[in-house]
Amino acid sequence: MHKGGIFGFWKRKPSALMRILLVDDHAILLDGVKSLLENDGRKVEFQANSAEEALSLLKKNPVDLMITDFNMPGMDGLSLIHAVKRLDGNIKIIVLSMHEEVHLVKEILKAGVNGYVLKKDTRSELLKAVSEVEEGNVFLSNDINKMLIVNLQNPDEGRLLTDREREIVKLIAKEYTNKQIAEELFISERTVETHRKNIFKKTGTNSLVGLIKFAYANNLI
């Protein structure tokens, strides 16, 4: 398999074209994926820069496949997936994300997506994902498969937050400031800030409201 990220060109024989929607808040990535798919003989009908924009498009236009990022401003990818499933359960969904944390991947798969590909994967893996999903199969990239297998052997590694991070999330939910959290846990404010950044990264959230919703939904607090 040729390495070099998801961008590149690999021709295929055109088949019955699916109507595809791309969702990502990074314009460069949207353009790259669109070029990749269209050079593969596929048609990208719509592009959206946010989950909210994607839902607006889906309410007015028929789509067969949505390829979406997970971490976006406003509504996150997981909330988008649930909303799309309620809107039209026939829409196939591939998540194209940088996140490979076991807990997050499991939550996304549980939501009923048809494919999960990492942004660091090769372009041929994304094209293979689209082909497999088109045929009615579920596709997980090689790294995601390996990670899930390792987690089966060592399930504790899939725990999303450490005990200290859980303590901090509970205090965040009580609207404690960094200074108050530091005093409560006898650690420095800088340490609290580092923990907060790690918590947001691990949970794939980018706002306080999003973090609290995620924490309650996943029994983290």
C-alpha atoms as a PDB file:
ATOM      1  CA  MET A   1       0.000   0.000   0.000  1.00  0.00           C
ATOM      2  CA  HIS A   2       1.380   3.387  -0.937  1.00  0.00           C
ATOM      3  CA  LYS A   3       1.887   5.649   2.064  1.00  0.00           C
ATOM      4  CA  GLY A   4       1.404   9.374   2.062  1.00  0.00           C
ATOM      5  CA  GLY A   5      -1.761  10.397   3.888  1.00  0.00           C
ATOM      6  CA  ILE A   6      -5.321  10.450   2.614  1.00  0.00           C
ATOM      7  CA  PHE A   7      -4.597  12.811  -0.252  1.00  0.00           C
ATOM      8  CA  GLY A   8      -3.572  11.441  -3.619  1.00  0.00           C
ATOM      9  CA  PHE A   9      -5.186   9.918  -6.678  1.00  0.00           C
ATOM     10  CA  TRP A  10      -6.176   6.343  -7.343  1.00  0.00           C
ATOM     11  CA  LYS A  11      -8.482   5.772 -10.288  1.00  0.00           C
ATOM     12  CA  ARG A  12     -11.360   3.323 -10.098  1.00  0.00           C
ATOM     13  CA  LYS A  13     -14.098   2.282 -12.498  1.00  0.00           C
ATOM     14  CA  PRO A  14     -17.147   4.493 -11.938  1.00  0.00           C
ATOM     15  CA  SER A  15     -20.196   2.779 -10.454  1.00  0.00           C
ATOM     16  CA  ALA A  16     -23.663   3.993  -9.525  1.00  0.00           C
ATOM     17  CA  LEU A  17     -22.815   7.271  -7.866  1.00  0.00           C
ATOM     18  CA  MET A  18     -23.736   7.889  -4.258  1.00  0.00           C
ATOM     19  CA  ARG A  19     -24.723  11.394  -3.238  1.00  0.00           C
ATOM     20  CA  ILE A  20     -22.001  12.382  -0.788  1.00  0.00           C
ATOM     21  CA  LEU A  21     -21.900  15.078   1.894  1.00  0.00           C
ATOM     22  CA  LEU A  22     -18.538  16.105   3.410  1.00  0.00           C
ATOM     23  CA  VAL A  23     -18.492  17.735   6.856  1.00  0.00           C
ATOM     24  CA  ASP A  24     -15.388  19.352   8.355  1.00  0.00           C
ATOM     25  CA  ASP A  25     -14.543  22.782   9.724  1.00  0.00           C
ATOM     26  CA  HIS A  26     -11.225  22.854   7.810  1.00  0.00           C
ATOM     27  CA  ALA A  27     -11.650  24.031   4.215  1.00  0.00           C
ATOM     28  CA  ILE A  28      -8.309  22.593   3.079  1.00  0.00           C
ATOM     29  CA  LEU A  29      -9.276  19.107   4.234  1.00  0.00           C
ATOM     30  CA  LEU A  30     -12.700  19.395   2.608  1.00  0.00           C
ATOM     31  CA  ASP A  31     -11.112  20.355  -0.711  1.00  0.00           C
ATOM     32  CA  GLY A  32      -8.560  17.549  -0.455  1.00  0.00           C
ATOM     33  CA  VAL A  33     -11.108  14.834   0.275  1.00  0.00           C
ATOM     34  CA  LYS A  34     -13.421  16.149  -2.449  1.00  0.00           C
ATOM     35  CA  SER A  35     -10.593  16.006  -5.031  1.00  0.00           C
ATOM     36  CA  LEU A  36      -9.635  12.513  -3.881  1.00  0.00           C
ATOM     37  CA  LEU A  37     -13.187  11.187  -4.210  1.00  0.00           C
ATOM     38  CA  GLU A  38     -13.957  12.898  -7.507  1.00  0.00           C
ATOM     39  CA  ASN A  39     -10.701  11.644  -9.043  1.00  0.00           C
ATOM     40  CA  ASP A  40     -11.878   8.228  -7.922  1.00  0.00           C
ATOM     41  CA  GLY A  41     -15.009   8.638 -10.049  1.00  0.00           C
ATOM     42  CA  ARG A  42     -17.338   9.723  -7.256  1.00  0.00           C
ATOM     43  CA  LYS A  43     -19.511  12.796  -6.870  1.00  0.00           C
ATOM     44  CA  VAL A  44     -19.452  15.080  -3.858  1.00  0.00           C
ATOM     45  CA  GLU A  45     -22.832  16.817  -3.888  1.00  0.00           C
ATOM     46  CA  PHE A  46     -22.515  18.903  -0.734  1.00  0.00           C
ATOM     47  CA  GLN A  47     -19.974  20.292   1.722  1.00  0.00           C
ATOM     48  CA  ALA A  48     -20.587  21.708   5.200  1.00  0.00           C
ATOM     49  CA  ASN A  49     -18.281  23.494   7.635  1.00  0.00           C
ATOM     50  CA  SER A  50     -20.266  22.567  10.743  1.00  0.00           C
ATOM     51  CA  ALA A  51     -22.675  19.961  12.066  1.00  0.00           C
ATOM     52  CA  GLU A  52     -25.455  22.539  12.106  1.00  0.00           C
ATOM     53  CA  GLU A  53     -24.893  23.369   8.434  1.00  0.00           C
ATOM     54  CA  ALA A  54     -24.836  19.656   7.597  1.00  0.00           C
ATOM     55  CA  LEU A  55     -28.205  19.067   9.270  1.00  0.00           C
ATOM     56  CA  SER A  56     -29.694  22.021   7.427  1.00  0.00           C
ATOM     57  CA  LEU A  57     -28.510  20.550   4.113  1.00  0.00           C
ATOM     58  CA  LEU A  58     -29.778  17.073   4.979  1.00  0.00           C
ATOM     59  CA  LYS A  59     -33.262  18.361   5.774  1.00  0.00           C
ATOM     60  CA  LYS A  60     -33.559  19.772   2.241  1.00  0.00           C
ATOM     61  CA  ASN A  61     -31.482  17.352   0.131  1.00  0.00           C
ATOM     62  CA  PRO A  62     -31.266  13.566  -0.262  1.00  0.00           C
ATOM     63  CA  VAL A  63     -27.834  12.166   0.643  1.00  0.00           C
ATOM     64  CA  ASP A  64     -26.577   8.568   0.571  1.00  0.00           C
ATOM     65  CA  LEU A  65     -23.280   8.972   2.407  1.00  0.00           C
ATOM     66  CA  MET A  66     -21.967  11.491   4.930  1.00  0.00           C
ATOM     67  CA  ILE A  67     -18.228  11.656   5.667  1.00  0.00           C
ATOM     68  CA  THR A  68     -17.715  13.732   8.794  1.00  0.00           C
ATOM     69  CA  ASP A  69     -15.070  14.919  11.215  1.00  0.00           C
ATOM     70  CA  PHE A  70     -15.656  14.312  14.929  1.00  0.00           C
ATOM     71  CA  ASN A  71     -14.272  17.402  16.642  1.00  0.00           C
ATOM     72  CA  MET A  72     -15.987  20.551  15.323  1.00  0.00           C
ATOM     73  CA  PRO A  73     -17.082  23.893  16.796  1.00  0.00           C
ATOM     74  CA  GLY A  74     -20.627  23.871  18.151  1.00  0.00           C
ATOM     75  CA  MET A  75     -22.318  20.485  17.816  1.00  0.00           C
ATOM     76  CA  ASP A  76     -19.729  17.699  17.826  1.00  0.00           C
ATOM     77  CA  GLY A  77     -19.582  14.756  15.451  1.00  0.00           C
ATOM     78  CA  LEU A  78     -21.213  12.288  17.837  1.00  0.00           C
ATOM     79  CA  SER A  79     -24.235  14.555  18.322  1.00  0.00           C
ATOM     80  CA  LEU A  80     -24.400  15.007  14.556  1.00  0.00           C
ATOM     81  CA  ILE A  81     -24.392  11.233  14.016  1.00  0.00           C
ATOM     82  CA  HIS A  82     -27.291  10.761  16.438  1.00  0.00           C
ATOM     83  CA  ALA A  83     -29.227  13.608  14.779  1.00  0.00           C
ATOM     84  CA  VAL A  84     -28.673  12.191  11.291  1.00  0.00           C
ATOM     85  CA  LYS A  85     -29.786   8.730  12.412  1.00  0.00           C
ATOM     86  CA  ARG A  86     -33.020  10.256  13.714  1.00  0.00           C
ATOM     87  CA  LEU A  87     -33.478  12.255  10.521  1.00  0.00           C
ATOM     88  CA  ASP A  88     -32.825   9.411   8.078  1.00  0.00           C
ATOM     89  CA  GLY A  89     -31.597   6.019   9.227  1.00  0.00           C
ATOM     90  CA  ASN A  90     -30.663   5.061   5.663  1.00  0.00           C
ATOM     91  CA  ILE A  91     -27.838   7.600   5.383  1.00  0.00           C
ATOM     92  CA  LYS A  92     -24.502   5.835   5.648  1.00  0.00           C
ATOM     93  CA  ILE A  93     -21.859   7.545   7.790  1.00  0.00           C
ATOM     94  CA  ILE A  94     -18.062   7.414   7.744  1.00  0.00           C
ATOM     95  CA  VAL A  95     -16.140   9.236  10.461  1.00  0.00           C
ATOM     96  CA  LEU A  96     -12.838  10.713   9.288  1.00  0.00           C
ATOM     97  CA  SER A  97     -11.089  11.855  12.442  1.00  0.00           C
ATOM     98  CA  MET A  98      -7.778  12.406  14.193  1.00  0.00           C
ATOM     99  CA  HIS A  99      -9.152  10.771  17.360  1.00  0.00           C
ATOM    100  CA  GLU A 100      -8.118   7.188  18.087  1.00  0.00           C
ATOM    101  CA  GLU A 101      -8.882   6.991  21.803  1.00  0.00           C
ATOM    102  CA  VAL A 102     -10.537   3.658  22.577  1.00  0.00           C
ATOM    103  CA  HIS A 103     -13.435   5.115  24.522  1.00  0.00           C
ATOM    104  CA  LEU A 104     -14.344   7.652  21.862  1.00  0.00           C
ATOM    105  CA  VAL A 105     -14.075   5.133  19.035  1.00  0.00           C
ATOM    106  CA  LYS A 106     -16.356   2.720  20.903  1.00  0.00           C
ATOM    107  CA  GLU A 107     -18.936   5.450  21.525  1.00  0.00           C
ATOM    108  CA  ILE A 108     -18.911   6.436  17.853  1.00  0.00           C
ATOM    109  CA  LEU A 109     -19.225   2.824  16.689  1.00  0.00           C
ATOM    110  CA  LYS A 110     -22.062   2.293  19.173  1.00  0.00           C
ATOM    111  CA  ALA A 111     -23.890   5.206  17.529  1.00  0.00           C
ATOM    112  CA  GLY A 112     -24.138   3.095  14.373  1.00  0.00           C
ATOM    113  CA  VAL A 113     -21.594   4.530  11.958  1.00  0.00           C
ATOM    114  CA  ASN A 114     -20.590   2.492   8.917  1.00  0.00           C
ATOM    115  CA  GLY A 115     -16.903   3.369   8.846  1.00  0.00           C
ATOM    116  CA  TYR A 116     -14.092   4.919  10.863  1.00  0.00           C
ATOM    117  CA  VAL A 117     -10.910   6.186   9.203  1.00  0.00           C
ATOM    118  CA  LEU A 118      -8.109   8.222  10.754  1.00  0.00           C
ATOM    119  CA  LYS A 119      -6.914  11.407   9.082  1.00  0.00           C
ATOM    120  CA  LYS A 120      -3.377  10.050   9.230  1.00  0.00           C
ATOM    121  CA  ASP A 121      -4.379   6.984   7.187  1.00  0.00           C
ATOM    122  CA  THR A 122      -3.512   6.565   3.518  1.00  0.00           C
ATOM    123  CA  ARG A 123      -5.843   7.815   0.791  1.00  0.00           C
ATOM    124  CA  SER A 124      -6.428   4.231  -0.324  1.00  0.00           C
ATOM    125  CA  GLU A 125      -7.910   3.366   3.089  1.00  0.00           C
ATOM    126  CA  LEU A 126     -10.468   6.148   2.757  1.00  0.00           C
ATOM    127  CA  LEU A 127     -11.341   5.032  -0.770  1.00  0.00           C
ATOM    128  CA  LYS A 128     -11.637   1.445   0.417  1.00  0.00           C
ATOM    129  CA  ALA A 129     -13.887   2.611   3.265  1.00  0.00           C
ATOM    130  CA  VAL A 130     -16.228   4.331   0.806  1.00  0.00           C
ATOM    131  CA  SER A 131     -16.338   1.229  -1.420  1.00  0.00           C
ATOM    132  CA  GLU A 132     -16.982  -1.137   1.500  1.00  0.00           C
ATOM    133  CA  VAL A 133     -19.692   1.069   2.972  1.00  0.00           C
ATOM    134  CA  GLU A 134     -21.278   1.395  -0.471  1.00  0.00           C
ATOM    135  CA  GLU A 135     -21.523  -2.399  -0.560  1.00  0.00           C
ATOM    136  CA  GLY A 136     -23.270  -2.446   2.809  1.00  0.00           C
ATOM    137  CA  ASN A 137     -20.247  -3.406   4.911  1.00  0.00           C
ATOM    138  CA  VAL A 138     -18.667  -1.754   7.954  1.00  0.00           C
ATOM    139  CA  PHE A 139     -15.090  -0.542   7.485  1.00  0.00           C
ATOM    140  CA  LEU A 140     -12.521   0.201  10.191  1.00  0.00           C
ATOM    141  CA  SER A 141      -9.021   1.320   9.238  1.00  0.00           C
ATOM    142  CA  ASN A 142      -6.074  -0.903  10.140  1.00  0.00           C
ATOM    143  CA  ASP A 143      -4.983   1.231  13.099  1.00  0.00           C
ATOM    144  CA  ILE A 144      -8.499   1.296  14.551  1.00  0.00           C
ATOM    145  CA  ASN A 145      -8.779  -2.485  14.220  1.00  0.00           C
ATOM    146  CA  LYS A 146      -5.415  -2.981  15.938  1.00  0.00           C
ATOM    147  CA  MET A 147      -6.366  -0.588  18.738  1.00  0.00           C
ATOM    148  CA  LEU A 148      -9.652  -2.401  19.393  1.00  0.00           C
ATOM    149  CA  ILE A 149      -7.897  -5.788  19.440  1.00  0.00           C
ATOM    150  CA  VAL A 150      -5.312  -4.514  21.943  1.00  0.00           C
ATOM    151  CA  ASN A 151      -8.127  -3.144  24.083  1.00  0.00           C
ATOM    152  CA  LEU A 152      -9.824  -6.555  24.134  1.00  0.00           C
ATOM    153  CA  GLN A 153      -6.606  -7.982  25.563  1.00  0.00           C
ATOM    154  CA  ASN A 154      -6.065  -5.075  27.984  1.00  0.00           C
ATOM    155  CA  PRO A 155      -9.491  -3.531  28.670  1.00  0.00           C
ATOM    156  CA  ASP A 156      -8.211  -1.152  31.368  1.00  0.00           C
ATOM    157  CA  GLU A 157      -6.280   0.730  28.695  1.00  0.00           C
ATOM    158  CA  GLY A 158      -9.577   1.889  27.261  1.00  0.00           C
ATOM    159  CA  ARG A 159     -10.475   3.916  30.351  1.00  0.00           C
ATOM    160  CA  LEU A 160     -10.961   7.445  29.118  1.00  0.00           C
ATOM    161  CA  LEU A 161     -10.024   9.582  32.130  1.00  0.00           C
ATOM    162  CA  THR A 162      -7.651   9.056  35.025  1.00  0.00           C
ATOM    163  CA  ASP A 163      -8.917   9.296  38.610  1.00  0.00           C
ATOM    164  CA  ARG A 164      -7.439  12.794  38.896  1.00  0.00           C
ATOM    165  CA  GLU A 165      -9.103  13.906  35.658  1.00  0.00           C
ATOM    166  CA  ARG A 166     -12.445  12.578  36.885  1.00  0.00           C
ATOM    167  CA  GLU A 167     -12.026  14.571  40.099  1.00  0.00           C
ATOM    168  CA  ILE A 168     -11.385  17.709  38.058  1.00  0.00           C
ATOM    169  CA  VAL A 169     -14.390  17.092  35.783  1.00  0.00           C
ATOM    170  CA  LYS A 170     -16.621  16.817  38.868  1.00  0.00           C
ATOM    171  CA  LEU A 171     -15.330  20.151  40.131  1.00  0.00           C
ATOM    172  CA  ILE A 172     -15.700  21.742  36.698  1.00  0.00           C
ATOM    173  CA  ALA A 173     -19.327  20.579  36.730  1.00  0.00           C
ATOM    174  CA  LYS A 174     -19.725  22.454  40.041  1.00  0.00           C
ATOM    175  CA  GLU A 175     -18.419  25.574  38.258  1.00  0.00           C
ATOM    176  CA  TYR A 176     -15.155  25.716  40.209  1.00  0.00           C
ATOM    177  CA  THR A 177     -12.487  28.011  38.756  1.00  0.00           C
ATOM    178  CA  ASN A 178      -8.965  26.739  38.090  1.00  0.00           C
ATOM    179  CA  LYS A 179      -7.820  28.466  41.276  1.00  0.00           C
ATOM    180  CA  GLN A 180     -10.550  26.826  43.348  1.00  0.00           C
ATOM    181  CA  ILE A 181      -9.792  23.408  41.830  1.00  0.00           C
ATOM    182  CA  ALA A 182      -6.089  23.870  42.599  1.00  0.00           C
ATOM    183  CA  GLU A 183      -6.875  24.731  46.223  1.00  0.00           C
ATOM    184  CA  GLU A 184      -9.321  21.845  46.588  1.00  0.00           C
ATOM    185  CA  LEU A 185      -6.878  19.259  45.203  1.00  0.00           C
ATOM    186  CA  PHE A 186      -3.656  20.826  46.548  1.00  0.00           C
ATOM    187  CA  ILE A 187      -2.095  21.195  43.109  1.00  0.00           C
ATOM    188  CA  SER A 188      -0.944  24.210  41.078  1.00  0.00           C
ATOM    189  CA  GLU A 189      -3.199  26.182  38.747  1.00  0.00           C
ATOM    190  CA  ARG A 190      -0.846  25.317  35.900  1.00  0.00           C
ATOM    191  CA  THR A 191      -1.369  21.611  36.622  1.00  0.00           C
ATOM    192  CA  VAL A 192      -5.134  22.154  36.613  1.00  0.00           C
ATOM    193  CA  GLU A 193      -4.904  23.910  33.248  1.00  0.00           C
ATOM    194  CA  THR A 194      -2.876  21.006  31.818  1.00  0.00           C
ATOM    195  CA  HIS A 195      -5.465  18.527  33.083  1.00  0.00           C
ATOM    196  CA  ARG A 196      -8.284  20.603  31.584  1.00  0.00           C
ATOM    197  CA  LYS A 197      -6.608  20.625  28.170  1.00  0.00           C
ATOM    198  CA  ASN A 198      -6.097  16.858  28.331  1.00  0.00           C
ATOM    199  CA  ILE A 199      -9.711  16.306  29.384  1.00  0.00           C
ATOM    200  CA  PHE A 200     -11.089  18.341  26.472  1.00  0.00           C
ATOM    201  CA  LYS A 201      -8.783  16.529  24.064  1.00  0.00           C
ATOM    202  CA  LYS A 202      -9.677  13.069  25.366  1.00  0.00           C
ATOM    203  CA  THR A 203     -13.420  13.707  25.324  1.00  0.00           C
ATOM    204  CA  GLY A 204     -13.325  15.408  21.925  1.00  0.00           C
ATOM    205  CA  THR A 205     -15.241  18.407  23.287  1.00  0.00           C
ATOM    206  CA  ASN A 206     -14.391  22.084  22.900  1.00  0.00           C
ATOM    207  CA  SER A 207     -16.736  23.848  25.317  1.00  0.00           C
ATOM    208  CA  LEU A 208     -17.764  23.591  28.952  1.00  0.00           C
ATOM    209  CA  VAL A 209     -21.338  22.700  28.008  1.00  0.00           C
ATOM    210  CA  GLY A 210     -20.113  20.011  25.613  1.00  0.00           C
ATOM    211  CA  LEU A 211     -17.811  18.550  28.265  1.00  0.00           C
ATOM    212  CA  ILE A 212     -20.540  18.380  30.899  1.00  0.00           C
ATOM    213  CA  LYS A 213     -22.998  16.764  28.459  1.00  0.00           C
ATOM    214  CA  PHE A 214     -20.354  14.222  27.430  1.00  0.00           C
ATOM    215  CA  ALA A 215     -19.430  13.511  31.055  1.00  0.00           C
ATOM    216  CA  TYR A 216     -23.008  12.825  32.115  1.00  0.00           C
ATOM    217  CA  ALA A 217     -23.788  10.779  29.009  1.00  0.00           C
ATOM    218  CA  ASN A 218     -20.756   8.562  29.580  1.00  0.00           C
ATOM    219  CA  ASN A 219     -20.993   8.275  33.384  1.00  0.00           C
ATOM    220  CA  LEU A 220     -17.721  10.115  33.907  1.00  0.00           C
ATOM    221  CA  ILE A 221     -19.252  12.069  36.791  1.00  0.00           C
END
